[in-house]
Amino acid sequence: MNKLFSMGAACLLVGFGAIGCSNTAEGVGEDTSAAGQKVAAGAENAGQAVKNAGQAVKNAGANAVDATKDAAANVADATKNAAANAGHAVKEAGKDTAENLDVRPKVKLAITADKDLNNTSNLIKVEPKDGVVYLRGHVISDSMKTKATEVATKSLKDMNSTDTIQNELTVQAH
């Protein structure tokens, strides 16, 4: 009987083991299926994240292209303005140079040709700028100051110049 009891117990254990193994196998299958679904969902999320990242890179690239185009347009405008300003400055400098080459020597010659103004006590500088001829320095009397304006004005008139005279001479009696 002991033997029989032992055999029955062994069969019972084998039966429970088989049932348990069956349940365990099902559980493993369900767990594997659930894990597979989680992996698939994770892969789908990762795929979407990669897709979103790709779109973000594409958008960033497009924005960079637009920013580069805008920057290039700004540089082109700045260069155009700088060129225009430089052209104007060169033109004005050329005008002043022409005045200096034409007006200064002729007015200075007229002043030094005058026997009263051509006095070593007088110092008369002729400085043309922007359509105005400045007489600077000093003379020995008010009458010399007035005469310097008259001589310079006549010299400009003889050249058909539209410049004006600005007399800034001071009187220093000696």
Protein backbone atom coordinates (compact mmCIF):
# COMPACT_ATOMS: atom_id res chain seq x y z
CA MET A 1 0.00 0.00 0.00
CA ASN A 2 2.78 2.27 0.63
CA LYS A 3 3.92 1.62 -2.78
CA LEU A 4 0.53 2.32 -4.19
CA PHE A 5 0.21 5.47 -2.19
CA SER A 6 3.59 6.62 -3.38
CA MET A 7 2.66 5.85 -6.96
CA GLY A 8 -0.61 7.74 -6.67
CA ALA A 9 1.10 10.72 -5.17
CA ALA A 10 3.65 10.68 -7.95
CA CYS A 11 0.93 10.53 -10.59
CA LEU A 12 -0.92 13.33 -8.91
CA LEU A 13 2.19 15.47 -8.88
CA VAL A 14 2.92 14.67 -12.52
CA GLY A 15 -0.67 15.58 -13.42
CA PHE A 16 -0.47 18.88 -11.53
CA GLY A 17 2.89 19.50 -13.10
CA ALA A 18 1.49 18.90 -16.55
CA ILE A 19 -1.43 21.20 -15.83
CA GLY A 20 0.92 23.73 -14.28
CA CYS A 21 3.28 23.46 -17.24
CA SER A 22 0.36 23.95 -19.54
CA ASN A 23 -0.66 27.05 -17.60
CA THR A 24 2.94 28.15 -17.45
CA ALA A 25 3.34 27.69 -21.19
CA GLU A 26 0.18 29.70 -21.79
CA GLY A 27 1.40 32.39 -19.42
CA VAL A 28 4.74 32.53 -21.17
CA GLY A 29 2.95 32.81 -24.50
CA GLU A 30 0.72 35.60 -23.21
CA ASP A 31 3.67 37.37 -21.64
CA THR A 32 5.62 37.03 -24.90
CA SER A 33 2.65 38.34 -26.87
CA ALA A 34 2.24 41.30 -24.50
CA ALA A 35 5.96 42.01 -24.64
CA GLY A 36 5.85 41.79 -28.44
CA GLN A 37 2.97 44.29 -28.50
CA LYS A 38 4.92 46.62 -26.22
CA VAL A 39 8.01 46.29 -28.42
CA ALA A 40 5.90 46.95 -31.53
CA ALA A 41 4.30 50.01 -29.87
CA GLY A 42 7.76 51.22 -28.77
CA ALA A 43 9.10 50.69 -32.27
CA GLU A 44 6.13 52.57 -33.70
CA ASN A 45 6.74 55.44 -31.25
CA ALA A 46 10.45 55.42 -32.09
CA GLY A 47 9.59 55.45 -35.79
CA GLN A 48 7.26 58.43 -35.25
CA ALA A 49 9.96 60.19 -33.22
CA VAL A 50 12.47 59.62 -36.02
CA LYS A 51 9.92 60.88 -38.55
CA ASN A 52 9.28 63.98 -36.39
CA ALA A 53 13.01 64.54 -35.99
CA GLY A 54 13.44 64.23 -39.76
CA GLN A 55 10.70 66.82 -40.32
CA ALA A 56 12.30 69.12 -37.75
CA VAL A 57 15.65 68.83 -39.57
CA LYS A 58 13.92 69.49 -42.89
CA ASN A 59 12.18 72.56 -41.42
CA ALA A 60 15.43 73.77 -39.87
CA GLY A 61 17.15 73.37 -43.23
CA ALA A 62 14.39 75.34 -44.97
CA ASN A 63 14.61 78.04 -42.30
CA ALA A 64 18.38 78.16 -42.70
CA VAL A 65 17.99 78.56 -46.45
CA ASP A 66 15.47 81.38 -45.94
CA ALA A 67 17.71 83.06 -43.37
CA THR A 68 20.67 82.79 -45.73
CA LYS A 69 18.63 84.29 -48.57
CA ASP A 70 17.52 87.15 -46.28
CA ALA A 71 21.09 87.74 -45.13
CA ALA A 72 22.32 87.75 -48.72
CA ALA A 73 19.62 90.26 -49.68
CA ASN A 74 20.60 92.48 -46.72
CA VAL A 75 24.27 92.30 -47.72
CA ALA A 76 23.35 93.15 -51.31
CA ASP A 77 21.31 96.17 -50.16
CA ALA A 78 24.07 97.34 -47.83
CA THR A 79 26.65 96.97 -50.60
CA LYS A 80 24.44 98.87 -53.03
CA ASN A 81 23.95 101.70 -50.51
CA ALA A 82 27.66 101.80 -49.68
CA ALA A 83 28.50 101.99 -53.38
CA ALA A 84 26.01 104.81 -53.90
CA ASN A 85 27.40 106.69 -50.90
CA ALA A 86 30.96 106.14 -52.07
CA GLY A 87 30.03 107.37 -55.54
CA HIS A 88 28.50 110.51 -54.06
CA ALA A 89 31.52 111.07 -51.82
CA VAL A 90 33.90 110.67 -54.76
CA LYS A 91 31.81 113.06 -56.83
CA GLU A 92 31.81 115.64 -54.03
CA ALA A 93 35.52 115.19 -53.42
CA GLY A 94 36.11 115.64 -57.12
CA LYS A 95 34.02 118.79 -57.07
CA ASP A 96 35.99 120.20 -54.15
CA THR A 97 39.24 119.25 -55.86
CA ALA A 98 38.09 120.96 -59.06
CA GLU A 99 37.20 124.06 -57.05
CA ASN A 100 40.57 123.98 -55.36
CA LEU A 101 42.40 123.54 -58.64
CA ASP A 102 40.40 126.19 -60.47
CA VAL A 103 39.14 128.74 -57.96
CA ARG A 104 41.88 128.86 -55.32
CA PRO A 105 44.81 129.77 -57.60
CA LYS A 106 42.82 132.31 -59.62
CA VAL A 107 41.48 134.12 -56.54
CA LYS A 108 44.89 133.95 -54.84
CA LEU A 109 46.54 135.33 -58.01
CA ALA A 110 44.04 138.21 -58.13
CA ILE A 111 44.75 139.07 -54.48
CA THR A 112 48.54 138.93 -54.84
CA ALA A 113 48.33 140.93 -58.09
CA ASP A 114 46.74 143.82 -56.17
CA LYS A 115 49.57 146.14 -55.04
CA ASP A 116 47.77 147.13 -51.80
CA LEU A 117 46.84 143.59 -50.74
CA ASN A 118 50.26 142.17 -51.70
CA ASN A 119 51.85 143.37 -48.48
CA THR A 120 54.05 141.19 -46.27
CA SER A 121 52.01 142.31 -43.24
CA ASN A 122 48.87 140.73 -44.75
CA LEU A 123 48.27 136.99 -44.62
CA ILE A 124 45.32 135.99 -46.82
CA LYS A 125 44.43 132.33 -47.28
CA VAL A 126 41.92 131.31 -49.97
CA GLU A 127 39.95 128.16 -49.09
CA PRO A 128 37.07 127.13 -51.40
CA LYS A 129 34.56 124.56 -50.09
CA ASP A 130 31.03 123.66 -51.17
CA GLY A 131 30.46 126.73 -53.32
CA VAL A 132 31.91 129.19 -50.78
CA VAL A 133 35.36 130.76 -51.01
CA TYR A 134 36.62 131.56 -47.52
CA LEU A 135 39.17 134.34 -47.03
CA ARG A 136 41.02 133.59 -43.80
CA GLY A 137 44.01 135.11 -42.08
CA HIS A 138 44.66 138.77 -41.30
CA VAL A 139 45.13 142.14 -42.97
CA ILE A 140 46.45 145.47 -41.64
CA SER A 141 43.22 147.52 -41.97
CA ASP A 142 39.46 147.44 -42.48
CA SER A 143 39.92 148.93 -45.95
CA MET A 144 42.24 145.99 -46.85
CA LYS A 145 39.61 143.54 -45.60
CA THR A 146 36.96 145.20 -47.79
CA LYS A 147 39.33 145.34 -50.77
CA ALA A 148 40.13 141.61 -50.39
CA THR A 149 36.40 140.80 -50.68
CA GLU A 150 36.05 143.06 -53.75
CA VAL A 151 39.08 141.56 -55.53
CA ALA A 152 38.01 137.96 -54.76
CA THR A 153 34.42 138.64 -55.89
CA LYS A 154 35.63 140.17 -59.18
CA SER A 155 37.91 137.18 -59.75
CA LEU A 156 34.98 134.78 -59.32
CA LYS A 157 32.82 136.90 -61.64
CA ASP A 158 35.57 136.84 -64.29
CA MET A 159 35.55 132.99 -64.07
CA ASN A 160 31.72 132.91 -64.36
CA SER A 161 31.70 131.12 -61.00
CA THR A 162 28.56 130.95 -58.89
CA ASP A 163 30.64 130.63 -55.69
CA THR A 164 30.27 133.25 -52.99
CA ILE A 165 32.89 134.94 -50.81
CA GLN A 166 32.92 134.54 -47.03
CA ASN A 167 35.42 137.03 -45.57
CA GLU A 168 36.76 135.78 -42.23
CA LEU A 169 39.85 138.00 -42.25
CA THR A 170 40.80 139.73 -39.02
CA VAL A 171 42.36 143.17 -38.81
CA GLN A 172 45.76 143.38 -37.13
CA ALA A 173 47.25 146.86 -37.24
CA HIS A 174 51.04 146.94 -37.36
